[in-house]
Amino acid sequence: MHLNILKDPAVKAPWSVLHPLSEKDSVAVAALRSLAAPMKGKLAGTAGRDPFNNIMERVAVPEAVTFEAAIVGGISGLWAKPAKARKGVAMLHAHGGWFNWGTAHAFRNFVGHIAR
């Protein structure tokens, strides 16, 4: 990766595609915000894990994607396997959240859509 891609927002990264929110995207964003709003600022650290997981688990199940638990390099996680996966291609999604918010299980449907 070229460093100027990260420093200059005007430089388009060849691996990044940005698109305006569609009406369907806007509805999903509004729904997510309304689910999160009542808890905003009320929980800190690991106390926020379960409420956050409950929000993330509402992401629709992706079509034609299966999930398989695995341990890779001593780290547990899930493989999201699209039915029409390209041979020899893998994507790593290391979810954020400061290791307090969200679990691999809670992110599975979200990541399944990306993998698909």
Protein backbone atom coordinates (compact mmCIF):
# COMPACT_ATOMS: atom_id res chain seq x y z
CA MET A 1 0.00 0.00 0.00
CA HIS A 2 1.28 3.44 -0.84
CA LEU A 3 1.43 5.82 2.10
CA ASN A 4 0.04 8.72 0.07
CA ILE A 5 -3.26 6.81 -0.18
CA LEU A 6 -3.62 7.03 3.59
CA LYS A 7 -2.48 10.64 3.89
CA ASP A 8 -4.37 12.27 1.02
CA PRO A 9 -8.14 11.67 0.98
CA ALA A 10 -8.25 12.90 -2.64
CA VAL A 11 -6.10 9.95 -3.75
CA LYS A 12 -8.38 7.04 -4.64
CA ALA A 13 -7.21 3.70 -3.30
CA PRO A 14 -7.52 1.00 -5.98
CA TRP A 15 -8.97 -1.45 -3.43
CA SER A 16 -11.58 0.92 -2.03
CA VAL A 17 -15.01 1.62 -3.48
CA LEU A 18 -17.15 4.40 -2.04
CA HIS A 19 -20.76 4.87 -2.98
CA PRO A 20 -23.47 7.19 -1.77
CA LEU A 21 -26.01 5.70 0.61
CA SER A 22 -28.92 4.18 -1.24
CA GLU A 23 -32.43 4.57 0.14
CA LYS A 24 -32.16 0.99 1.45
CA ASP A 25 -28.81 1.80 3.13
CA SER A 26 -30.31 4.92 4.71
CA VAL A 27 -33.16 2.90 6.21
CA ALA A 28 -30.69 0.39 7.70
CA VAL A 29 -28.48 3.17 9.12
CA ALA A 30 -31.49 4.90 10.68
CA ALA A 31 -32.66 1.61 12.24
CA LEU A 32 -29.20 0.91 13.68
CA ARG A 33 -28.97 4.43 15.13
CA SER A 34 -32.41 4.12 16.75
CA LEU A 35 -31.42 0.79 18.34
CA ALA A 36 -28.17 2.20 19.70
CA ALA A 37 -29.48 5.60 20.82
CA PRO A 38 -31.02 4.54 24.17
CA MET A 39 -27.69 3.09 25.32
CA LYS A 40 -25.41 5.85 24.05
CA GLY A 41 -23.02 6.96 26.80
CA LYS A 42 -24.55 4.68 29.44
CA LEU A 43 -22.20 1.70 29.36
CA ALA A 44 -18.43 1.51 29.38
CA GLY A 45 -16.01 -1.35 28.93
CA THR A 46 -17.24 -4.92 28.96
CA ALA A 47 -20.66 -3.86 30.35
CA GLY A 48 -21.53 -2.78 26.82
CA ARG A 49 -20.75 -6.15 25.21
CA ASP A 50 -24.16 -7.83 25.54
CA PRO A 51 -26.25 -4.82 24.42
CA PHE A 52 -23.89 -4.27 21.48
CA ASN A 53 -24.03 -7.97 20.55
CA ASN A 54 -27.84 -7.80 20.62
CA ILE A 55 -27.74 -4.94 18.11
CA MET A 56 -25.21 -6.64 15.82
CA GLU A 57 -27.10 -9.92 15.86
CA ARG A 58 -30.05 -8.14 14.21
CA VAL A 59 -28.11 -7.85 10.95
CA ALA A 60 -29.94 -9.97 8.37
CA VAL A 61 -28.52 -13.41 7.72
CA PRO A 62 -26.62 -13.29 4.41
CA GLU A 63 -27.91 -15.59 1.66
CA ALA A 64 -25.73 -18.52 0.62
CA VAL A 65 -23.11 -18.06 3.36
CA THR A 66 -22.26 -20.71 5.94
CA PHE A 67 -20.20 -20.23 9.09
CA GLU A 68 -17.64 -22.56 10.59
CA ALA A 69 -15.95 -22.16 13.96
CA ALA A 70 -12.17 -22.52 13.83
CA ILE A 71 -8.96 -21.80 15.69
CA VAL A 72 -6.19 -20.26 13.60
CA GLY A 73 -2.83 -19.58 15.23
CA GLY A 74 -4.38 -20.11 18.66
CA ILE A 75 -7.11 -17.50 18.05
CA SER A 76 -10.74 -18.63 17.89
CA GLY A 77 -13.06 -17.18 15.30
CA LEU A 78 -15.40 -18.01 12.46
CA TRP A 79 -14.97 -18.68 8.76
CA ALA A 80 -17.70 -17.07 6.66
CA LYS A 81 -17.95 -19.25 3.57
CA PRO A 82 -19.94 -17.90 0.63
CA ALA A 83 -21.36 -20.57 -1.70
CA LYS A 84 -19.72 -18.86 -4.68
CA ALA A 85 -16.33 -18.15 -3.08
CA ARG A 86 -13.33 -17.58 -5.34
CA LYS A 87 -10.70 -20.32 -5.09
CA GLY A 88 -7.55 -19.35 -3.20
CA VAL A 89 -9.00 -16.09 -1.88
CA ALA A 90 -9.53 -15.20 1.78
CA MET A 91 -10.37 -12.00 3.62
CA LEU A 92 -9.47 -11.28 7.22
CA HIS A 93 -11.92 -9.23 9.26
CA ALA A 94 -10.50 -8.35 12.66
CA HIS A 95 -13.40 -6.66 14.37
CA GLY A 96 -12.66 -3.68 16.55
CA GLY A 97 -14.26 -2.65 19.78
CA TRP A 98 -11.22 -2.53 22.02
CA PHE A 99 -11.86 -6.19 22.83
CA ASN A 100 -14.82 -5.03 24.94
CA TRP A 101 -17.61 -4.58 22.45
CA GLY A 102 -18.86 -7.28 20.18
CA THR A 103 -17.88 -10.87 19.60
CA ALA A 104 -17.05 -12.79 16.44
CA HIS A 105 -20.44 -14.49 16.74
CA ALA A 106 -22.24 -11.13 16.91
CA PHE A 107 -20.40 -9.87 13.79
CA ARG A 108 -20.95 -13.07 11.77
CA ASN A 109 -23.87 -11.85 9.63
CA PHE A 110 -22.26 -8.46 9.00
CA VAL A 111 -19.00 -10.09 7.89
CA GLY A 112 -20.91 -12.72 5.92
CA HIS A 113 -22.36 -9.93 3.76
CA ILE A 114 -18.85 -8.57 3.14
CA ALA A 115 -17.53 -12.04 2.29
CA ARG A 116 -20.42 -12.67 -0.10
